[in-house]
Amino acid sequence: MTAFGIRTAGAEAFAANQPTGRYGAASDIGGLALFLSSPASAHITGNHIVLDGGSKYNAQGAVGSVKL
């Protein structure tokens, strides 16, 4: 979906429409992986974690105009 958005809207427009105002980075996924492999996540089981910078809620109109 990201590649489609970049091709149709352009890279700057696509990033501007993200609630975080930027693309996701490998370090975002790395931070989640580090957390999930740590004792802090010992009580987390069988979940789907959406790592999209809030664009899921932006598409549903739940995110305001303030960037995170």
PDB file of N, CA and C in Angstrom:
ATOM      1  N   MET A   1       0.815  -1.195   0.000  1.00  0.00           N
ATOM      2  CA  MET A   1       0.000   0.000   0.000  1.00  0.00           C
ATOM      3  C   MET A   1       0.856   1.255   0.000  1.00  0.00           C
ATOM      4  N   THR A   2       1.980   1.235   0.697  1.00  0.00           N
ATOM      5  CA  THR A   2       2.846   2.408   0.732  1.00  0.00           C
ATOM      6  C   THR A   2       3.384   2.736  -0.650  1.00  0.00           C
ATOM      7  N   ALA A   3       3.852   1.747  -1.384  1.00  0.00           N
ATOM      8  CA  ALA A   3       4.388   1.982  -2.725  1.00  0.00           C
ATOM      9  C   ALA A   3       3.311   2.580  -3.631  1.00  0.00           C
ATOM     10  N   PHE A   4       2.083   2.115  -3.511  1.00  0.00           N
ATOM     11  CA  PHE A   4       0.983   2.661  -4.304  1.00  0.00           C
ATOM     12  C   PHE A   4       0.743   4.121  -3.934  1.00  0.00           C
ATOM     13  N   GLY A   5       0.734   4.429  -2.656  1.00  0.00           N
ATOM     14  CA  GLY A   5       0.515   5.807  -2.217  1.00  0.00           C
ATOM     15  C   GLY A   5       1.604   6.749  -2.693  1.00  0.00           C
ATOM     16  N   ILE A   6       2.839   6.277  -2.658  1.00  0.00           N
ATOM     17  CA  ILE A   6       3.954   7.111  -3.109  1.00  0.00           C
ATOM     18  C   ILE A   6       3.865   7.349  -4.611  1.00  0.00           C
ATOM     19  N   ARG A   7       3.524   6.305  -5.365  1.00  0.00           N
ATOM     20  CA  ARG A   7       3.428   6.457  -6.825  1.00  0.00           C
ATOM     21  C   ARG A   7       2.291   7.388  -7.223  1.00  0.00           C
ATOM     22  N   THR A   8       1.170   7.309  -6.547  1.00  0.00           N
ATOM     23  CA  THR A   8       0.010   8.100  -6.957  1.00  0.00           C
ATOM     24  C   THR A   8       0.024   9.515  -6.393  1.00  0.00           C
ATOM     25  N   ALA A   9       0.479   9.700  -5.174  1.00  0.00           N
ATOM     26  CA  ALA A   9       0.422  11.018  -4.536  1.00  0.00           C
ATOM     27  C   ALA A   9       1.757  11.744  -4.543  1.00  0.00           C
ATOM     28  N   GLY A  10       2.840  11.023  -4.674  1.00  0.00           N
ATOM     29  CA  GLY A  10       4.164  11.635  -4.559  1.00  0.00           C
ATOM     30  C   GLY A  10       4.700  11.456  -3.152  1.00  0.00           C
ATOM     31  N   ALA A  11       5.997  11.374  -3.026  1.00  0.00           N
ATOM     32  CA  ALA A  11       6.624  11.074  -1.740  1.00  0.00           C
ATOM     33  C   ALA A  11       6.330  12.136  -0.686  1.00  0.00           C
ATOM     34  N   GLU A  12       6.426  13.411  -1.047  1.00  0.00           N
ATOM     35  CA  GLU A  12       6.209  14.472  -0.062  1.00  0.00           C
ATOM     36  C   GLU A  12       4.753  14.513   0.402  1.00  0.00           C
ATOM     37  N   ALA A  13       3.834  14.390  -0.537  1.00  0.00           N
ATOM     38  CA  ALA A  13       2.414  14.406  -0.188  1.00  0.00           C
ATOM     39  C   ALA A  13       2.048  13.201   0.659  1.00  0.00           C
ATOM     40  N   PHE A  14       2.624  12.045   0.345  1.00  0.00           N
ATOM     41  CA  PHE A  14       2.321  10.847   1.121  1.00  0.00           C
ATOM     42  C   PHE A  14       2.824  10.999   2.556  1.00  0.00           C
ATOM     43  N   ALA A  15       4.046  11.486   2.733  1.00  0.00           N
ATOM     44  CA  ALA A  15       4.601  11.670   4.078  1.00  0.00           C
ATOM     45  C   ALA A  15       3.830  12.736   4.841  1.00  0.00           C
ATOM     46  N   ALA A  16       3.392  13.776   4.163  1.00  0.00           N
ATOM     47  CA  ALA A  16       2.640  14.845   4.820  1.00  0.00           C
ATOM     48  C   ALA A  16       1.294  14.355   5.334  1.00  0.00           C
ATOM     49  N   ASN A  17       0.725  13.342   4.706  1.00  0.00           N
ATOM     50  CA  ASN A  17      -0.559  12.801   5.139  1.00  0.00           C
ATOM     51  C   ASN A  17      -0.436  11.778   6.257  1.00  0.00           C
ATOM     52  N   GLN A  18       0.780  11.400   6.608  1.00  0.00           N
ATOM     53  CA  GLN A  18       0.981  10.492   7.731  1.00  0.00           C
ATOM     54  C   GLN A  18       0.827  11.293   9.021  1.00  0.00           C
ATOM     55  N   PRO A  19       0.141  10.776  10.035  1.00  0.00           N
ATOM     56  CA  PRO A  19       0.000  11.498  11.297  1.00  0.00           C
ATOM     57  C   PRO A  19       1.342  11.845  11.945  1.00  0.00           C
ATOM     58  N   THR A  20       2.364  11.028  11.726  1.00  0.00           N
ATOM     59  CA  THR A  20       3.680  11.322  12.281  1.00  0.00           C
ATOM     60  C   THR A  20       4.465  12.276  11.399  1.00  0.00           C
ATOM     61  N   GLY A  21       4.006  12.512  10.156  1.00  0.00           N
ATOM     62  CA  GLY A  21       4.672  13.423   9.246  1.00  0.00           C
ATOM     63  C   GLY A  21       5.914  12.855   8.586  1.00  0.00           C
ATOM     64  N   ARG A  22       6.100  11.558   8.677  1.00  0.00           N
ATOM     65  CA  ARG A  22       7.287  10.932   8.092  1.00  0.00           C
ATOM     66  C   ARG A  22       6.982   9.489   7.724  1.00  0.00           C
ATOM     67  N   TYR A  23       7.890   8.925   6.950  1.00  0.00           N
ATOM     68  CA  TYR A  23       7.804   7.497   6.635  1.00  0.00           C
ATOM     69  C   TYR A  23       8.229   6.688   7.847  1.00  0.00           C
ATOM     70  N   GLY A  24       7.812   5.444   7.879  1.00  0.00           N
ATOM     71  CA  GLY A  24       8.319   4.536   8.890  1.00  0.00           C
ATOM     72  C   GLY A  24       9.760   4.170   8.576  1.00  0.00           C
ATOM     73  N   ALA A  25      10.516   3.815   9.608  1.00  0.00           N
ATOM     74  CA  ALA A  25      11.923   3.456   9.452  1.00  0.00           C
ATOM     75  C   ALA A  25      12.158   2.072  10.044  1.00  0.00           C
ATOM     76  N   ALA A  26      13.257   1.476   9.652  1.00  0.00           N
ATOM     77  CA  ALA A  26      13.607   0.151  10.185  1.00  0.00           C
ATOM     78  C   ALA A  26      13.740   0.201  11.704  1.00  0.00           C
ATOM     79  N   SER A  27      14.183   1.335  12.236  1.00  0.00           N
ATOM     80  CA  SER A  27      14.332   1.449  13.693  1.00  0.00           C
ATOM     81  C   SER A  27      12.979   1.383  14.407  1.00  0.00           C
ATOM     82  N   ASP A  28      11.896   1.765  13.724  1.00  0.00           N
ATOM     83  CA  ASP A  28      10.565   1.639  14.322  1.00  0.00           C
ATOM     84  C   ASP A  28      10.235   0.172  14.561  1.00  0.00           C
ATOM     85  N   ILE A  29      10.513  -0.644  13.582  1.00  0.00           N
ATOM     86  CA  ILE A  29      10.267  -2.086  13.714  1.00  0.00           C
ATOM     87  C   ILE A  29      11.243  -2.691  14.715  1.00  0.00           C
ATOM     88  N   GLY A  30      12.498  -2.210  14.675  1.00  0.00           N
ATOM     89  CA  GLY A  30      13.506  -2.701  15.619  1.00  0.00           C
ATOM     90  C   GLY A  30      13.132  -2.416  17.057  1.00  0.00           C
ATOM     91  N   GLY A  31      12.562  -1.223  17.301  1.00  0.00           N
ATOM     92  CA  GLY A  31      12.129  -0.883  18.657  1.00  0.00           C
ATOM     93  C   GLY A  31      11.018  -1.789  19.146  1.00  0.00           C
ATOM     94  N   LEU A  32      10.083  -2.106  18.262  1.00  0.00           N
ATOM     95  CA  LEU A  32       9.002  -3.020  18.632  1.00  0.00           C
ATOM     96  C   LEU A  32       9.556  -4.418  18.897  1.00  0.00           C
ATOM     97  N   ALA A  33      10.463  -4.873  18.037  1.00  0.00           N
ATOM     98  CA  ALA A  33      11.060  -6.204  18.220  1.00  0.00           C
ATOM     99  C   ALA A  33      11.832  -6.271  19.538  1.00  0.00           C
ATOM    100  N   LEU A  34      12.555  -5.207  19.862  1.00  0.00           N
ATOM    101  CA  LEU A  34      13.300  -5.166  21.117  1.00  0.00           C
ATOM    102  C   LEU A  34      12.355  -5.221  22.310  1.00  0.00           C
ATOM    103  N   PHE A  35      11.280  -4.451  22.238  1.00  0.00           N
ATOM    104  CA  PHE A  35      10.295  -4.470  23.322  1.00  0.00           C
ATOM    105  C   PHE A  35       9.672  -5.857  23.482  1.00  0.00           C
ATOM    106  N   LEU A  36       9.261  -6.458  22.361  1.00  0.00           N
ATOM    107  CA  LEU A  36       8.593  -7.761  22.443  1.00  0.00           C
ATOM    108  C   LEU A  36       9.525  -8.870  22.917  1.00  0.00           C
ATOM    109  N   SER A  37      10.823  -8.695  22.726  1.00  0.00           N
ATOM    110  CA  SER A  37      11.769  -9.717  23.187  1.00  0.00           C
ATOM    111  C   SER A  37      12.275  -9.431  24.596  1.00  0.00           C
ATOM    112  N   SER A  38      11.790  -8.369  25.220  1.00  0.00           N
ATOM    113  CA  SER A  38      12.236  -8.014  26.567  1.00  0.00           C
ATOM    114  C   SER A  38      11.253  -8.524  27.619  1.00  0.00           C
ATOM    115  N   PRO A  39      11.683  -8.562  28.873  1.00  0.00           N
ATOM    116  CA  PRO A  39      10.771  -8.965  29.951  1.00  0.00           C
ATOM    117  C   PRO A  39       9.571  -8.027  30.116  1.00  0.00           C
ATOM    118  N   ALA A  40       9.673  -6.797  29.616  1.00  0.00           N
ATOM    119  CA  ALA A  40       8.572  -5.837  29.745  1.00  0.00           C
ATOM    120  C   ALA A  40       7.317  -6.298  29.010  1.00  0.00           C
ATOM    121  N   SER A  41       7.476  -7.171  28.032  1.00  0.00           N
ATOM    122  CA  SER A  41       6.318  -7.642  27.265  1.00  0.00           C
ATOM    123  C   SER A  41       5.857  -9.029  27.700  1.00  0.00           C
ATOM    124  N   ALA A  42       6.242  -9.437  28.882  1.00  0.00           N
ATOM    125  CA  ALA A  42       5.941 -10.791  29.344  1.00  0.00           C
ATOM    126  C   ALA A  42       4.447 -11.104  29.384  1.00  0.00           C
ATOM    127  N   HIS A  43       3.618 -10.098  29.510  1.00  0.00           N
ATOM    128  CA  HIS A  43       2.176 -10.341  29.633  1.00  0.00           C
ATOM    129  C   HIS A  43       1.433 -10.146  28.311  1.00  0.00           C
ATOM    130  N   ILE A  44       2.153  -9.914  27.227  1.00  0.00           N
ATOM    131  CA  ILE A  44       1.541  -9.739  25.911  1.00  0.00           C
ATOM    132  C   ILE A  44       1.517 -11.085  25.199  1.00  0.00           C
ATOM    133  N   THR A  45       0.330 -11.513  24.798  1.00  0.00           N
ATOM    134  CA  THR A  45       0.193 -12.786  24.088  1.00  0.00           C
ATOM    135  C   THR A  45      -0.814 -12.645  22.957  1.00  0.00           C
ATOM    136  N   GLY A  46      -0.505 -13.224  21.827  1.00  0.00           N
ATOM    137  CA  GLY A  46      -1.439 -13.354  20.721  1.00  0.00           C
ATOM    138  C   GLY A  46      -2.103 -12.085  20.242  1.00  0.00           C
ATOM    139  N   ASN A  47      -1.351 -11.044  20.015  1.00  0.00           N
ATOM    140  CA  ASN A  47      -1.918  -9.788  19.557  1.00  0.00           C
ATOM    141  C   ASN A  47      -1.432  -9.431  18.167  1.00  0.00           C
ATOM    142  N   HIS A  48      -2.203  -8.593  17.500  1.00  0.00           N
ATOM    143  CA  HIS A  48      -1.786  -7.987  16.235  1.00  0.00           C
ATOM    144  C   HIS A  48      -1.384  -6.561  16.576  1.00  0.00           C
ATOM    145  N   ILE A  49      -0.152  -6.226  16.308  1.00  0.00           N
ATOM    146  CA  ILE A  49       0.325  -4.881  16.601  1.00  0.00           C
ATOM    147  C   ILE A  49       0.476  -4.150  15.277  1.00  0.00           C
ATOM    148  N   VAL A  50      -0.265  -3.071  15.123  1.00  0.00           N
ATOM    149  CA  VAL A  50      -0.234  -2.285  13.893  1.00  0.00           C
ATOM    150  C   VAL A  50       0.845  -1.214  14.051  1.00  0.00           C
ATOM    151  N   LEU A  51       1.820  -1.267  13.189  1.00  0.00           N
ATOM    152  CA  LEU A  51       2.946  -0.340  13.242  1.00  0.00           C
ATOM    153  C   LEU A  51       2.913   0.497  11.971  1.00  0.00           C
ATOM    154  N   ASP A  52       2.001   1.479  11.949  1.00  0.00           N
ATOM    155  CA  ASP A  52       1.798   2.252  10.718  1.00  0.00           C
ATOM    156  C   ASP A  52       1.844   3.765  10.945  1.00  0.00           C
ATOM    157  N   GLY A  53       2.302   4.191  12.102  1.00  0.00           N
ATOM    158  CA  GLY A  53       2.404   5.622  12.361  1.00  0.00           C
ATOM    159  C   GLY A  53       1.067   6.321  12.517  1.00  0.00           C
ATOM    160  N   GLY A  54       0.007   5.581  12.707  1.00  0.00           N
ATOM    161  CA  GLY A  54      -1.315   6.165  12.889  1.00  0.00           C
ATOM    162  C   GLY A  54      -2.129   6.315  11.621  1.00  0.00           C
ATOM    163  N   SER A  55      -1.608   5.845  10.488  1.00  0.00           N
ATOM    164  CA  SER A  55      -2.343   6.051   9.237  1.00  0.00           C
ATOM    165  C   SER A  55      -3.656   5.274   9.194  1.00  0.00           C
ATOM    166  N   LYS A  56      -3.770   4.197   9.957  1.00  0.00           N
ATOM    167  CA  LYS A  56      -5.037   3.460  10.015  1.00  0.00           C
ATOM    168  C   LYS A  56      -6.144   4.368  10.555  1.00  0.00           C
ATOM    169  N   TYR A  57      -5.825   5.109  11.606  1.00  0.00           N
ATOM    170  CA  TYR A  57      -6.819   5.995  12.200  1.00  0.00           C
ATOM    171  C   TYR A  57      -7.020   7.248  11.357  1.00  0.00           C
ATOM    172  N   ASN A  58      -5.991   7.687  10.670  1.00  0.00           N
ATOM    173  CA  ASN A  58      -6.105   8.824   9.778  1.00  0.00           C
ATOM    174  C   ASN A  58      -7.085   8.505   8.648  1.00  0.00           C
ATOM    175  N   ALA A  59      -7.023   7.296   8.121  1.00  0.00           N
ATOM    176  CA  ALA A  59      -7.922   6.881   7.046  1.00  0.00           C
ATOM    177  C   ALA A  59      -9.375   6.820   7.523  1.00  0.00           C
ATOM    178  N   GLN A  60      -9.568   6.585   8.824  1.00  0.00           N
ATOM    179  CA  GLN A  60     -10.915   6.510   9.379  1.00  0.00           C
ATOM    180  C   GLN A  60     -11.404   7.872   9.873  1.00  0.00           C
ATOM    181  N   GLY A  61     -10.572   8.901   9.732  1.00  0.00           N
ATOM    182  CA  GLY A  61     -10.950  10.238  10.164  1.00  0.00           C
ATOM    183  C   GLY A  61     -10.854  10.468  11.652  1.00  0.00           C
ATOM    184  N   ALA A  62     -10.156   9.595  12.375  1.00  0.00           N
ATOM    185  CA  ALA A  62     -10.073   9.711  13.822  1.00  0.00           C
ATOM    186  C   ALA A  62      -8.891  10.551  14.286  1.00  0.00           C
ATOM    187  N   VAL A  63      -7.993  10.908  13.389  1.00  0.00           N
ATOM    188  CA  VAL A  63      -6.817  11.697  13.747  1.00  0.00           C
ATOM    189  C   VAL A  63      -7.052  13.144  13.360  1.00  0.00           C
ATOM    190  N   GLY A  64      -6.772  14.037  14.270  1.00  0.00           N
ATOM    191  CA  GLY A  64      -6.934  15.459  13.981  1.00  0.00           C
ATOM    192  C   GLY A  64      -5.824  15.988  13.094  1.00  0.00           C
ATOM    193  N   SER A  65      -5.779  17.282  12.943  1.00  0.00           N
ATOM    194  CA  SER A  65      -4.786  17.901  12.070  1.00  0.00           C
ATOM    195  C   SER A  65      -3.431  18.079  12.753  1.00  0.00           C
ATOM    196  N   VAL A  66      -3.338  17.816  14.045  1.00  0.00           N
ATOM    197  CA  VAL A  66      -2.079  17.968  14.761  1.00  0.00           C
ATOM    198  C   VAL A  66      -1.186  16.780  14.485  1.00  0.00           C
ATOM    199  N   LYS A  67       0.054  17.060  14.086  1.00  0.00           N
ATOM    200  CA  LYS A  67       1.017  15.984  13.833  1.00  0.00           C
ATOM    201  C   LYS A  67       1.558  15.464  15.148  1.00  0.00           C
ATOM    202  N   LEU A  68       1.823  14.179  15.205  1.00  0.00           N
ATOM    203  CA  LEU A  68       2.381  13.568  16.413  1.00  0.00           C
ATOM    204  C   LEU A  68       3.840  13.877  16.552  1.00  0.00           C
TER     205      LEU A  68
END
